[in-house]
Amino acid sequence: MKKKHWYDYLWIVSPIYLGLGFFNIMYAWLGLIFFCTPILISVFGGGKLYCNRYCDRGQLLTLLGSKLKLSRNRPTPAILKSPWFRYGFLIFFFAMFFQMLGVTWMVFEGTKDMAAFVKLLWTFKVPWQWACPAGVTPWMAQFAYGFYSMMLTSTLISIVMMVFFKPRTWCVFCPMGTFTHLISRLRAGKAPEPQAGCSGNCSACTKGGQ
């Protein structure tokens, strides 16, 4: 039996994070750890170490799809592996992120009221006012709502992909995986290769049935 390491249990982080945000939206700020850590690891030469070892979402998808057999285990559609889709999704993801920052800035300046809702799939507004504690600075709550919306949306997409295709299909076009791969290529002085992001052959994806 393969020896277990502490990072093999990081899958629990995803449900805890989403659960905390459900009751108190300010916990959504903790998501910056998931956002910044893989970038910093790649910038300082760690490549895709985060994807291969520390990604809590990847581990959760492996647990649900491979160990609990909730995945149909169908081949990942070729379109999801294509360079234009990966880069396109990366651009779209960061466009939504900066749009969220823009809304937060407007709330900070007082030109827009704080909106207490979660936006699923960047489209559907779901009331979430119970999760905003009293006395919270409006712009901080606005950022929390926006960031939680992104994290919840991407988690839902990854689970849907897990159910219908290979467990870690999300890893193929994950924006952070694509971005960290791009950083690693640039650090090595190489031009971005056609298949940016996880190719599906890394140890994490192989272990997850990718």
N, C-alpha and C. Protein backbone atom coordinates (compact mmCIF):
# COMPACT_ATOMS: atom_id res chain seq x y z
N MET A 1 0.85 -1.20 0.00
CA MET A 1 0.00 0.00 0.00
C MET A 1 0.88 1.25 0.00
N LYS A 2 0.52 2.21 -0.84
CA LYS A 2 1.30 3.43 -0.93
C LYS A 2 1.18 4.24 0.35
N LYS A 3 2.32 4.73 0.82
CA LYS A 3 2.34 5.51 2.05
C LYS A 3 1.60 6.83 1.85
N LYS A 4 0.75 7.18 2.80
CA LYS A 4 -0.01 8.41 2.74
C LYS A 4 0.81 9.57 3.30
N HIS A 5 0.70 10.73 2.66
CA HIS A 5 1.34 11.94 3.13
C HIS A 5 0.26 12.93 3.57
N TRP A 6 0.67 13.95 4.29
CA TRP A 6 -0.31 14.92 4.78
C TRP A 6 -1.07 15.59 3.64
N TYR A 7 -0.39 15.81 2.51
CA TYR A 7 -1.05 16.50 1.41
C TYR A 7 -2.04 15.60 0.67
N ASP A 8 -2.06 14.32 0.97
CA ASP A 8 -3.05 13.43 0.36
C ASP A 8 -4.45 13.65 0.94
N TYR A 9 -4.52 14.41 2.00
CA TYR A 9 -5.81 14.66 2.64
C TYR A 9 -6.31 16.09 2.40
N LEU A 10 -5.67 16.78 1.49
CA LEU A 10 -6.07 18.16 1.22
C LEU A 10 -7.43 18.27 0.53
N TRP A 11 -7.97 17.16 0.05
CA TRP A 11 -9.28 17.19 -0.60
C TRP A 11 -10.36 17.77 0.33
N ILE A 12 -10.14 17.62 1.64
CA ILE A 12 -11.12 18.09 2.60
C ILE A 12 -11.24 19.61 2.60
N VAL A 13 -10.21 20.29 2.07
CA VAL A 13 -10.20 21.76 2.08
C VAL A 13 -11.35 22.34 1.25
N SER A 14 -11.63 21.74 0.10
CA SER A 14 -12.68 22.27 -0.78
C SER A 14 -14.06 22.30 -0.11
N PRO A 15 -14.57 21.19 0.43
CA PRO A 15 -15.88 21.25 1.09
C PRO A 15 -15.89 22.15 2.31
N ILE A 16 -14.78 22.21 3.05
CA ILE A 16 -14.72 23.08 4.22
C ILE A 16 -14.81 24.54 3.79
N TYR A 17 -14.06 24.89 2.75
CA TYR A 17 -14.07 26.27 2.26
C TYR A 17 -15.46 26.69 1.79
N LEU A 18 -16.09 25.86 0.97
CA LEU A 18 -17.42 26.18 0.47
C LEU A 18 -18.45 26.20 1.60
N GLY A 19 -18.29 25.32 2.58
CA GLY A 19 -19.20 25.29 3.72
C GLY A 19 -19.08 26.53 4.57
N LEU A 20 -17.86 26.97 4.83
CA LEU A 20 -17.66 28.19 5.62
C LEU A 20 -18.25 29.40 4.92
N GLY A 21 -18.05 29.47 3.60
CA GLY A 21 -18.58 30.59 2.83
C GLY A 21 -20.10 30.61 2.78
N PHE A 22 -20.70 29.45 2.92
CA PHE A 22 -22.16 29.37 2.92
C PHE A 22 -22.74 30.09 4.14
N PHE A 23 -22.05 29.97 5.27
CA PHE A 23 -22.55 30.57 6.51
C PHE A 23 -21.96 31.95 6.80
N ASN A 24 -20.75 32.19 6.33
CA ASN A 24 -20.10 33.49 6.53
C ASN A 24 -19.26 33.80 5.29
N ILE A 25 -19.75 34.73 4.48
CA ILE A 25 -19.13 34.98 3.19
C ILE A 25 -17.70 35.50 3.32
N MET A 26 -17.35 36.06 4.48
CA MET A 26 -16.01 36.62 4.63
C MET A 26 -14.92 35.54 4.59
N TYR A 27 -15.30 34.30 4.82
CA TYR A 27 -14.32 33.21 4.71
C TYR A 27 -13.88 33.02 3.25
N ALA A 28 -14.61 33.61 2.32
CA ALA A 28 -14.25 33.49 0.91
C ALA A 28 -12.87 34.09 0.64
N TRP A 29 -12.45 35.02 1.49
CA TRP A 29 -11.12 35.61 1.32
C TRP A 29 -10.01 34.56 1.40
N LEU A 30 -10.27 33.47 2.09
CA LEU A 30 -9.28 32.40 2.19
C LEU A 30 -8.97 31.80 0.82
N GLY A 31 -9.89 32.00 -0.13
CA GLY A 31 -9.67 31.48 -1.47
C GLY A 31 -8.47 32.08 -2.17
N LEU A 32 -8.00 33.22 -1.68
CA LEU A 32 -6.80 33.83 -2.27
C LEU A 32 -5.58 32.92 -2.11
N ILE A 33 -5.64 32.06 -1.08
CA ILE A 33 -4.54 31.10 -0.90
C ILE A 33 -4.48 30.16 -2.09
N PHE A 34 -5.66 29.66 -2.54
CA PHE A 34 -5.70 28.74 -3.68
C PHE A 34 -5.32 29.48 -4.97
N PHE A 35 -5.59 30.76 -4.99
CA PHE A 35 -5.34 31.57 -6.19
C PHE A 35 -3.85 31.91 -6.32
N CYS A 36 -3.24 32.27 -5.21
CA CYS A 36 -1.85 32.77 -5.25
C CYS A 36 -0.80 31.67 -5.14
N THR A 37 -1.09 30.63 -4.35
CA THR A 37 -0.08 29.60 -4.10
C THR A 37 0.44 28.93 -5.37
N PRO A 38 -0.41 28.43 -6.28
CA PRO A 38 0.13 27.80 -7.49
C PRO A 38 0.94 28.76 -8.35
N ILE A 39 0.54 30.03 -8.38
CA ILE A 39 1.29 31.02 -9.16
C ILE A 39 2.67 31.23 -8.55
N LEU A 40 2.73 31.39 -7.24
CA LEU A 40 4.02 31.61 -6.57
C LEU A 40 4.94 30.40 -6.73
N ILE A 41 4.37 29.21 -6.62
CA ILE A 41 5.18 27.99 -6.78
C ILE A 41 5.81 27.96 -8.17
N SER A 42 5.03 28.31 -9.19
CA SER A 42 5.55 28.31 -10.56
C SER A 42 6.57 29.41 -10.78
N VAL A 43 6.30 30.60 -10.23
CA VAL A 43 7.22 31.73 -10.38
C VAL A 43 8.59 31.40 -9.79
N PHE A 44 8.59 30.68 -8.67
CA PHE A 44 9.85 30.36 -8.01
C PHE A 44 10.41 28.99 -8.42
N GLY A 45 9.94 28.50 -9.56
CA GLY A 45 10.58 27.32 -10.15
C GLY A 45 9.96 25.98 -9.82
N GLY A 46 8.80 25.97 -9.19
CA GLY A 46 8.18 24.70 -8.81
C GLY A 46 7.33 24.08 -9.89
N GLY A 47 7.21 24.77 -11.03
CA GLY A 47 6.44 24.22 -12.13
C GLY A 47 4.99 23.95 -11.74
N LYS A 48 4.52 22.75 -12.07
CA LYS A 48 3.14 22.38 -11.78
C LYS A 48 3.05 21.49 -10.53
N LEU A 49 3.96 21.75 -9.58
CA LEU A 49 3.96 20.98 -8.35
C LEU A 49 2.63 21.08 -7.62
N TYR A 50 2.02 22.26 -7.64
CA TYR A 50 0.75 22.44 -6.96
C TYR A 50 -0.31 21.52 -7.58
N CYS A 51 -0.38 21.50 -8.90
CA CYS A 51 -1.36 20.64 -9.59
C CYS A 51 -1.11 19.17 -9.29
N ASN A 52 0.15 18.79 -9.29
CA ASN A 52 0.50 17.38 -9.14
C ASN A 52 0.37 16.86 -7.71
N ARG A 53 0.48 17.78 -6.73
CA ARG A 53 0.55 17.29 -5.35
C ARG A 53 -0.43 17.96 -4.39
N TYR A 54 -0.59 19.26 -4.50
CA TYR A 54 -1.30 19.99 -3.45
C TYR A 54 -2.71 20.47 -3.81
N CYS A 55 -3.15 20.26 -5.01
CA CYS A 55 -4.46 20.79 -5.42
C CYS A 55 -5.60 20.04 -4.72
N ASP A 56 -6.29 20.74 -3.84
CA ASP A 56 -7.38 20.12 -3.09
C ASP A 56 -8.54 19.73 -3.99
N ARG A 57 -8.82 20.55 -4.99
CA ARG A 57 -9.93 20.24 -5.89
C ARG A 57 -9.62 19.01 -6.74
N GLY A 58 -8.41 18.90 -7.22
CA GLY A 58 -8.02 17.74 -8.00
C GLY A 58 -8.15 16.46 -7.18
N GLN A 59 -7.75 16.54 -5.92
CA GLN A 59 -7.87 15.38 -5.04
C GLN A 59 -9.34 15.03 -4.79
N LEU A 60 -10.17 16.07 -4.62
CA LEU A 60 -11.60 15.83 -4.40
C LEU A 60 -12.23 15.15 -5.60
N LEU A 61 -11.85 15.58 -6.80
CA LEU A 61 -12.39 14.98 -8.03
C LEU A 61 -11.95 13.52 -8.16
N THR A 62 -10.72 13.25 -7.76
CA THR A 62 -10.22 11.87 -7.78
C THR A 62 -11.00 11.01 -6.79
N LEU A 63 -11.25 11.56 -5.61
CA LEU A 63 -11.99 10.83 -4.59
C LEU A 63 -13.41 10.51 -5.07
N LEU A 64 -14.10 11.53 -5.59
CA LEU A 64 -15.47 11.34 -6.04
C LEU A 64 -15.57 10.47 -7.28
N GLY A 65 -14.68 10.72 -8.23
CA GLY A 65 -14.78 10.03 -9.50
C GLY A 65 -14.18 8.64 -9.54
N SER A 66 -12.98 8.49 -8.97
CA SER A 66 -12.28 7.21 -9.04
C SER A 66 -12.60 6.29 -7.86
N LYS A 67 -12.50 6.84 -6.65
CA LYS A 67 -12.68 5.99 -5.47
C LYS A 67 -14.15 5.72 -5.17
N LEU A 68 -14.98 6.73 -5.32
CA LEU A 68 -16.41 6.55 -5.05
C LEU A 68 -17.19 6.18 -6.31
N LYS A 69 -16.50 6.10 -7.44
CA LYS A 69 -17.08 5.64 -8.71
C LYS A 69 -18.28 6.48 -9.17
N LEU A 70 -18.18 7.79 -8.98
CA LEU A 70 -19.27 8.67 -9.40
C LEU A 70 -19.07 9.20 -10.82
N SER A 71 -17.99 8.80 -11.45
CA SER A 71 -17.69 9.26 -12.80
C SER A 71 -18.05 8.20 -13.83
N ARG A 72 -18.58 8.66 -14.97
CA ARG A 72 -18.85 7.74 -16.07
C ARG A 72 -17.57 7.33 -16.78
N ASN A 73 -16.50 8.07 -16.48
CA ASN A 73 -15.17 7.73 -16.97
C ASN A 73 -15.06 7.72 -18.50
N ARG A 74 -15.82 8.57 -19.14
CA ARG A 74 -15.74 8.68 -20.60
C ARG A 74 -14.53 9.54 -20.99
N PRO A 75 -14.00 9.34 -22.19
CA PRO A 75 -12.85 10.13 -22.63
C PRO A 75 -13.16 11.62 -22.63
N THR A 76 -12.17 12.40 -22.25
CA THR A 76 -12.32 13.86 -22.26
C THR A 76 -12.49 14.35 -23.69
N PRO A 77 -13.51 15.15 -23.97
CA PRO A 77 -13.72 15.67 -25.34
C PRO A 77 -12.49 16.40 -25.86
N ALA A 78 -12.18 16.17 -27.11
CA ALA A 78 -10.99 16.78 -27.71
C ALA A 78 -11.04 18.30 -27.66
N ILE A 79 -12.23 18.86 -27.75
CA ILE A 79 -12.36 20.32 -27.76
C ILE A 79 -11.84 20.93 -26.46
N LEU A 80 -12.00 20.22 -25.35
CA LEU A 80 -11.52 20.73 -24.06
C LEU A 80 -10.00 20.72 -23.97
N LYS A 81 -9.37 19.88 -24.79
CA LYS A 81 -7.92 19.79 -24.78
C LYS A 81 -7.27 20.74 -25.78
N SER A 82 -8.07 21.33 -26.64
CA SER A 82 -7.51 22.18 -27.70
C SER A 82 -6.90 23.45 -27.14
N PRO A 83 -5.82 23.94 -27.76
CA PRO A 83 -5.15 25.16 -27.29
C PRO A 83 -6.08 26.36 -27.23
N TRP A 84 -6.92 26.52 -28.26
CA TRP A 84 -7.77 27.71 -28.29
C TRP A 84 -8.77 27.71 -27.16
N PHE A 85 -9.26 26.52 -26.78
CA PHE A 85 -10.22 26.46 -25.68
C PHE A 85 -9.52 26.74 -24.36
N ARG A 86 -8.35 26.17 -24.16
CA ARG A 86 -7.62 26.37 -22.90
C ARG A 86 -7.24 27.84 -22.71
N TYR A 87 -6.64 28.41 -23.73
CA TYR A 87 -6.26 29.82 -23.63
C TYR A 87 -7.49 30.71 -23.57
N GLY A 88 -8.51 30.35 -24.32
CA GLY A 88 -9.74 31.13 -24.30
C GLY A 88 -10.39 31.13 -22.94
N PHE A 89 -10.43 29.96 -22.30
CA PHE A 89 -11.03 29.86 -20.97
C PHE A 89 -10.19 30.61 -19.95
N LEU A 90 -8.86 30.58 -20.13
CA LEU A 90 -7.97 31.33 -19.24
C LEU A 90 -8.25 32.83 -19.34
N ILE A 91 -8.36 33.32 -20.57
CA ILE A 91 -8.65 34.75 -20.78
C ILE A 91 -10.01 35.12 -20.19
N PHE A 92 -11.00 34.27 -20.45
CA PHE A 92 -12.34 34.52 -19.92
C PHE A 92 -12.33 34.55 -18.40
N PHE A 93 -11.63 33.60 -17.79
CA PHE A 93 -11.57 33.51 -16.34
C PHE A 93 -10.98 34.78 -15.74
N PHE A 94 -9.86 35.25 -16.29
CA PHE A 94 -9.23 36.44 -15.75
C PHE A 94 -10.04 37.70 -16.07
N ALA A 95 -10.75 37.68 -17.18
CA ALA A 95 -11.63 38.81 -17.50
C ALA A 95 -12.72 38.93 -16.44
N MET A 96 -13.29 37.79 -16.03
CA MET A 96 -14.31 37.80 -14.99
C MET A 96 -13.71 38.20 -13.63
N PHE A 97 -12.47 37.79 -13.41
CA PHE A 97 -11.80 38.15 -12.15
C PHE A 97 -11.58 39.65 -12.06
N PHE A 98 -11.10 40.26 -13.14
CA PHE A 98 -10.85 41.70 -13.12
C PHE A 98 -12.15 42.49 -13.13
N GLN A 99 -13.20 41.92 -13.74
CA GLN A 99 -14.51 42.57 -13.67
C GLN A 99 -15.01 42.58 -12.23
N MET A 100 -14.75 41.49 -11.51
CA MET A 100 -15.12 41.42 -10.10
C MET A 100 -14.35 42.46 -9.29
N LEU A 101 -13.06 42.62 -9.59
CA LEU A 101 -12.26 43.63 -8.91
C LEU A 101 -12.80 45.03 -9.20
N GLY A 102 -13.28 45.23 -10.44
CA GLY A 102 -13.83 46.52 -10.80
C GLY A 102 -15.08 46.85 -9.99
N VAL A 103 -15.94 45.88 -9.81
CA VAL A 103 -17.15 46.07 -9.01
C VAL A 103 -16.77 46.36 -7.56
N THR A 104 -15.79 45.62 -7.06
CA THR A 104 -15.32 45.84 -5.69
C THR A 104 -14.80 47.27 -5.52
N TRP A 105 -14.07 47.76 -6.51
CA TRP A 105 -13.53 49.12 -6.45
C TRP A 105 -14.65 50.16 -6.44
N MET A 106 -15.69 49.92 -7.22
CA MET A 106 -16.82 50.86 -7.24
C MET A 106 -17.53 50.90 -5.89
N VAL A 107 -17.63 49.75 -5.24
CA VAL A 107 -18.23 49.71 -3.91
C VAL A 107 -17.32 50.44 -2.92
N PHE A 108 -16.03 50.26 -3.08
CA PHE A 108 -15.05 50.94 -2.22
C PHE A 108 -15.16 52.45 -2.36
N GLU A 109 -15.36 52.93 -3.59
CA GLU A 109 -15.47 54.37 -3.84
C GLU A 109 -16.84 54.92 -3.47
N GLY A 110 -17.81 54.05 -3.29
CA GLY A 110 -19.15 54.49 -2.93
C GLY A 110 -20.04 54.80 -4.11
N THR A 111 -19.60 54.42 -5.32
CA THR A 111 -20.41 54.66 -6.52
C THR A 111 -21.35 53.51 -6.81
N LYS A 112 -21.27 52.44 -6.02
CA LYS A 112 -22.13 51.28 -6.22
C LYS A 112 -22.41 50.65 -4.87
N ASP A 113 -23.64 50.20 -4.68
CA ASP A 113 -24.00 49.54 -3.44
C ASP A 113 -23.53 48.09 -3.44
N MET A 114 -23.18 47.60 -2.25
CA MET A 114 -22.77 46.21 -2.12
C MET A 114 -23.96 45.29 -2.44
N ALA A 115 -23.72 44.27 -3.24
CA ALA A 115 -24.77 43.33 -3.64
C ALA A 115 -24.56 42.01 -2.93
N ALA A 116 -25.52 41.64 -2.09
CA ALA A 116 -25.40 40.43 -1.29
C ALA A 116 -25.96 39.22 -2.03
N PHE A 117 -25.30 38.82 -3.08
CA PHE A 117 -25.72 37.61 -3.81
C PHE A 117 -24.50 36.92 -4.40
N VAL A 118 -24.67 35.65 -4.68
CA VAL A 118 -23.64 34.85 -5.35
C VAL A 118 -24.06 34.68 -6.80
N LYS A 119 -23.13 34.86 -7.69
CA LYS A 119 -23.43 34.78 -9.12
C LYS A 119 -22.90 33.46 -9.68
N LEU A 120 -23.81 32.53 -9.92
CA LEU A 120 -23.44 31.21 -10.42
C LEU A 120 -23.27 31.25 -11.94
N LEU A 121 -22.22 30.58 -12.40
CA LEU A 121 -21.93 30.50 -13.84
C LEU A 121 -21.85 31.90 -14.45
N TRP A 122 -21.42 32.86 -13.63
CA TRP A 122 -21.23 34.25 -14.06
C TRP A 122 -22.52 34.85 -14.62
N THR A 123 -23.66 34.24 -14.31
CA THR A 123 -24.93 34.68 -14.91
C THR A 123 -26.07 34.76 -13.90
N PHE A 124 -26.27 33.71 -13.12
CA PHE A 124 -27.46 33.59 -12.28
C PHE A 124 -27.19 34.14 -10.87
N LYS A 125 -27.99 35.13 -10.48
CA LYS A 125 -27.83 35.77 -9.18
C LYS A 125 -28.64 35.03 -8.12
N VAL A 126 -27.93 34.48 -7.14
CA VAL A 126 -28.58 33.72 -6.07
C VAL A 126 -28.46 34.50 -4.77
N PRO A 127 -29.59 34.88 -4.13
CA PRO A 127 -29.55 35.64 -2.87
C PRO A 127 -28.71 34.92 -1.82
N TRP A 128 -27.84 35.65 -1.14
CA TRP A 128 -26.92 35.04 -0.17
C TRP A 128 -26.73 35.97 1.03
N GLN A 129 -27.75 36.81 1.31
CA GLN A 129 -27.58 37.86 2.30
C GLN A 129 -27.37 37.35 3.72
N TRP A 130 -27.85 36.14 4.02
CA TRP A 130 -27.70 35.60 5.37
C TRP A 130 -26.23 35.38 5.75
N ALA A 131 -25.38 35.27 4.74
CA ALA A 131 -23.98 34.95 5.00
C ALA A 131 -23.12 36.17 5.28
N CYS A 132 -23.71 37.36 5.19
CA CYS A 132 -22.95 38.59 5.39
C CYS A 132 -23.12 39.06 6.84
N PRO A 133 -22.08 38.95 7.65
CA PRO A 133 -22.19 39.37 9.06
C PRO A 133 -22.36 40.88 9.19
N ALA A 134 -23.00 41.29 10.25
CA ALA A 134 -23.23 42.72 10.49
C ALA A 134 -21.92 43.45 10.75
N GLY A 135 -21.86 44.68 10.28
CA GLY A 135 -20.71 45.51 10.55
C GLY A 135 -19.52 45.31 9.63
N VAL A 136 -19.68 44.48 8.61
CA VAL A 136 -18.57 44.22 7.69
C VAL A 136 -18.43 45.39 6.71
N THR A 137 -17.18 45.76 6.41
CA THR A 137 -16.93 46.81 5.43
C THR A 137 -17.49 46.38 4.08
N PRO A 138 -18.33 47.21 3.45
CA PRO A 138 -19.01 46.81 2.22
C PRO A 138 -18.10 46.29 1.11
N TRP A 139 -16.97 46.98 0.85
CA TRP A 139 -16.14 46.53 -0.27
C TRP A 139 -15.50 45.18 0.02
N MET A 140 -15.21 44.93 1.29
CA MET A 140 -14.63 43.63 1.65
C MET A 140 -15.66 42.51 1.45
N ALA A 141 -16.91 42.80 1.79
CA ALA A 141 -17.97 41.82 1.58
C ALA A 141 -18.22 41.61 0.09
N GLN A 142 -18.15 42.71 -0.68
CA GLN A 142 -18.37 42.60 -2.12
C GLN A 142 -17.32 41.71 -2.77
N PHE A 143 -16.06 41.90 -2.39
CA PHE A 143 -14.99 41.05 -2.91
C PHE A 143 -15.24 39.60 -2.53
N ALA A 144 -15.66 39.38 -1.28
CA ALA A 144 -15.91 38.02 -0.81
C ALA A 144 -17.01 37.35 -1.63
N TYR A 145 -18.09 38.07 -1.89
CA TYR A 145 -19.17 37.53 -2.70
C TYR A 145 -18.69 37.19 -4.11
N GLY A 146 -17.91 38.08 -4.69
CA GLY A 146 -17.40 37.85 -6.04
C GLY A 146 -16.46 36.67 -6.11
N PHE A 147 -15.56 36.59 -5.14
CA PHE A 147 -14.57 35.51 -5.16
C PHE A 147 -15.24 34.16 -4.87
N TYR A 148 -16.17 34.16 -3.92
CA TYR A 148 -16.89 32.93 -3.61
C TYR A 148 -17.69 32.46 -4.82
N SER A 149 -18.25 33.41 -5.56
CA SER A 149 -19.00 33.07 -6.78
C SER A 149 -18.10 32.34 -7.78
N MET A 150 -16.88 32.84 -7.95
CA MET A 150 -15.95 32.21 -8.88
C MET A 150 -15.54 30.82 -8.41
N MET A 151 -15.27 30.69 -7.13
CA MET A 151 -14.84 29.40 -6.59
C MET A 151 -15.98 28.37 -6.65
N LEU A 152 -17.19 28.81 -6.30
CA LEU A 152 -18.33 27.89 -6.34
C LEU A 152 -18.65 27.48 -7.78
N THR A 153 -18.62 28.44 -8.69
CA THR A 153 -18.90 28.17 -10.09
C THR A 153 -17.89 27.19 -10.67
N SER A 154 -16.61 27.44 -10.45
CA SER A 154 -15.59 26.55 -11.01
C SER A 154 -15.66 25.16 -10.38
N THR A 155 -16.04 25.09 -9.10
CA THR A 155 -16.19 23.78 -8.46
C THR A 155 -17.34 23.00 -9.08
N LEU A 156 -18.46 23.68 -9.31
CA LEU A 156 -19.61 23.02 -9.93
C LEU A 156 -19.27 22.53 -11.33
N ILE A 157 -18.56 23.36 -12.11
CA ILE A 157 -18.16 22.95 -13.46
C ILE A 157 -17.27 21.71 -13.39
N SER A 158 -16.32 21.72 -12.45
CA SER A 158 -15.39 20.60 -12.34
C SER A 158 -16.12 19.31 -11.96
N ILE A 159 -17.13 19.41 -11.10
CA ILE A 159 -17.88 18.22 -10.68
C ILE A 159 -18.72 17.68 -11.84
N VAL A 160 -19.34 18.58 -12.60
CA VAL A 160 -20.11 18.15 -13.77
C VAL A 160 -19.20 17.44 -14.77
N MET A 161 -18.02 18.00 -15.00
CA MET A 161 -17.05 17.36 -15.91
C MET A 161 -16.64 16.00 -15.37
N MET A 162 -16.47 15.91 -14.04
CA MET A 162 -16.09 14.65 -13.41
C MET A 162 -17.14 13.58 -13.62
N VAL A 163 -18.41 13.95 -13.49
CA VAL A 163 -19.50 12.99 -13.61
C VAL A 163 -19.61 12.44 -15.03
N PHE A 164 -19.52 13.31 -16.02
CA PHE A 164 -19.75 12.88 -17.40
C PHE A 164 -18.51 12.35 -18.11
N PHE A 165 -17.34 12.77 -17.66
CA PHE A 165 -16.11 12.35 -18.33
C PHE A 165 -15.12 11.78 -17.31
N LYS A 166 -13.83 11.83 -17.62
CA LYS A 166 -12.81 11.34 -16.70
C LYS A 166 -12.85 12.17 -15.41
N PRO A 167 -12.48 11.57 -14.28
CA PRO A 167 -12.57 12.28 -13.01
C PRO A 167 -11.91 13.65 -12.98
N ARG A 168 -10.71 13.77 -13.59
CA ARG A 168 -9.99 15.04 -13.53
C ARG A 168 -9.99 15.76 -14.87
N THR A 169 -11.10 15.69 -15.57
CA THR A 169 -11.23 16.41 -16.83
C THR A 169 -11.04 17.91 -16.62
N TRP A 170 -11.51 18.41 -15.48
CA TRP A 170 -11.33 19.84 -15.18
C TRP A 170 -9.86 20.25 -15.26
N CYS A 171 -8.97 19.36 -14.83
CA CYS A 171 -7.53 19.68 -14.82
C CYS A 171 -7.00 19.97 -16.22
N VAL A 172 -7.66 19.46 -17.24
CA VAL A 172 -7.21 19.67 -18.61
C VAL A 172 -7.29 21.14 -19.00
N PHE A 173 -8.34 21.84 -18.55
CA PHE A 173 -8.51 23.24 -18.95
C PHE A 173 -8.61 24.19 -17.75
N CYS A 174 -8.22 23.73 -16.58
CA CYS A 174 -8.20 24.58 -15.39
C CYS A 174 -7.38 25.84 -15.65
N PRO A 175 -7.93 27.02 -15.42
CA PRO A 175 -7.20 28.26 -15.69
C PRO A 175 -5.88 28.36 -14.94
N MET A 176 -5.86 27.93 -13.68
CA MET A 176 -4.62 28.02 -12.92
C MET A 176 -3.59 27.03 -13.43
N GLY A 177 -4.04 25.87 -13.88
CA GLY A 177 -3.10 24.90 -14.46
C GLY A 177 -2.50 25.44 -15.74
N THR A 178 -3.34 26.04 -16.58
CA THR A 178 -2.85 26.63 -17.83
C THR A 178 -1.90 27.77 -17.55
N PHE A 179 -2.25 28.61 -16.59
CA PHE A 179 -1.44 29.78 -16.28
C PHE A 179 -0.08 29.40 -15.68
N THR A 180 -0.08 28.43 -14.76
CA THR A 180 1.19 28.02 -14.15
C THR A 180 2.08 27.32 -15.16
N HIS A 181 1.47 26.59 -16.08
CA HIS A 181 2.24 25.94 -17.14
C HIS A 181 2.89 27.01 -18.03
N LEU A 182 2.14 28.05 -18.32
CA LEU A 182 2.65 29.15 -19.14
C LEU A 182 3.81 29.84 -18.43
N ILE A 183 3.68 30.06 -17.12
CA ILE A 183 4.76 30.67 -16.35
C ILE A 183 6.01 29.81 -16.41
N SER A 184 5.84 28.51 -16.25
CA SER A 184 6.98 27.59 -16.27
C SER A 184 7.68 27.61 -17.61
N ARG A 185 6.93 27.68 -18.70
CA ARG A 185 7.52 27.75 -20.04
C ARG A 185 8.31 29.04 -20.22
N LEU A 186 7.74 30.14 -19.74
CA LEU A 186 8.42 31.42 -19.89
C LEU A 186 9.68 31.48 -19.03
N ARG A 187 9.64 30.89 -17.84
CA ARG A 187 10.84 30.85 -16.99
C ARG A 187 11.95 30.07 -17.65
N ALA A 188 11.57 29.05 -18.38
CA ALA A 188 12.56 28.20 -19.05
C ALA A 188 13.02 28.82 -20.38
N GLY A 189 12.47 29.97 -20.73
CA GLY A 189 12.85 30.63 -21.97
C GLY A 189 12.29 29.97 -23.19
N LYS A 190 11.16 29.28 -23.02
CA LYS A 190 10.53 28.58 -24.13
C LYS A 190 9.23 29.26 -24.50
N ALA A 191 8.88 29.18 -25.77
CA ALA A 191 7.62 29.73 -26.23
C ALA A 191 6.49 28.84 -25.73
N PRO A 192 5.31 29.41 -25.46
CA PRO A 192 4.17 28.59 -25.02
C PRO A 192 3.88 27.50 -26.03
N GLU A 193 3.80 26.28 -25.55
CA GLU A 193 3.52 25.18 -26.45
C GLU A 193 2.02 25.11 -26.73
N PRO A 194 1.61 24.46 -27.81
CA PRO A 194 0.20 24.42 -28.20
C PRO A 194 -0.73 23.94 -27.10
N GLN A 195 -0.32 22.90 -26.37
CA GLN A 195 -1.19 22.36 -25.34
C GLN A 195 -0.81 22.95 -24.00
N ALA A 196 -1.28 24.16 -23.76
CA ALA A 196 -1.00 24.83 -22.51
C ALA A 196 -1.76 24.17 -21.38
N GLY A 197 -1.23 24.33 -20.15
CA GLY A 197 -1.90 23.75 -19.01
C GLY A 197 -1.56 22.28 -18.86
N CYS A 198 -2.36 21.55 -18.15
CA CYS A 198 -2.12 20.14 -17.93
C CYS A 198 -2.46 19.34 -19.18
N SER A 199 -1.53 18.53 -19.61
CA SER A 199 -1.75 17.74 -20.82
C SER A 199 -2.57 16.49 -20.55
N GLY A 200 -2.78 16.24 -19.27
CA GLY A 200 -3.52 15.03 -18.91
C GLY A 200 -2.59 13.86 -18.64
N ASN A 201 -1.27 14.10 -18.76
CA ASN A 201 -0.32 13.02 -18.54
C ASN A 201 0.50 13.21 -17.28
N CYS A 202 0.20 14.27 -16.51
CA CYS A 202 0.96 14.49 -15.29
C CYS A 202 0.57 13.42 -14.27
N SER A 203 1.36 13.32 -13.23
CA SER A 203 1.11 12.26 -12.25
C SER A 203 -0.24 12.39 -11.59
N ALA A 204 -0.68 13.64 -11.35
CA ALA A 204 -1.98 13.84 -10.69
C ALA A 204 -3.11 13.34 -11.57
N CYS A 205 -3.05 13.67 -12.86
CA CYS A 205 -4.13 13.26 -13.76
C CYS A 205 -4.11 11.77 -14.02
N THR A 206 -2.91 11.22 -14.11
CA THR A 206 -2.81 9.78 -14.32
C THR A 206 -3.39 9.03 -13.14
N LYS A 207 -3.07 9.53 -11.94
CA LYS A 207 -3.59 8.91 -10.73
C LYS A 207 -5.09 9.05 -10.63
N GLY A 208 -5.60 10.18 -11.18
CA GLY A 208 -7.03 10.43 -11.10
C GLY A 208 -7.82 9.84 -12.23
N GLY A 209 -7.19 9.05 -13.08
CA GLY A 209 -7.93 8.42 -14.14
C GLY A 209 -8.08 9.31 -15.36
N GLN A 210 -7.22 10.35 -15.46
CA GLN A 210 -7.34 11.27 -16.60
C GLN A 210 -6.82 10.63 -17.87
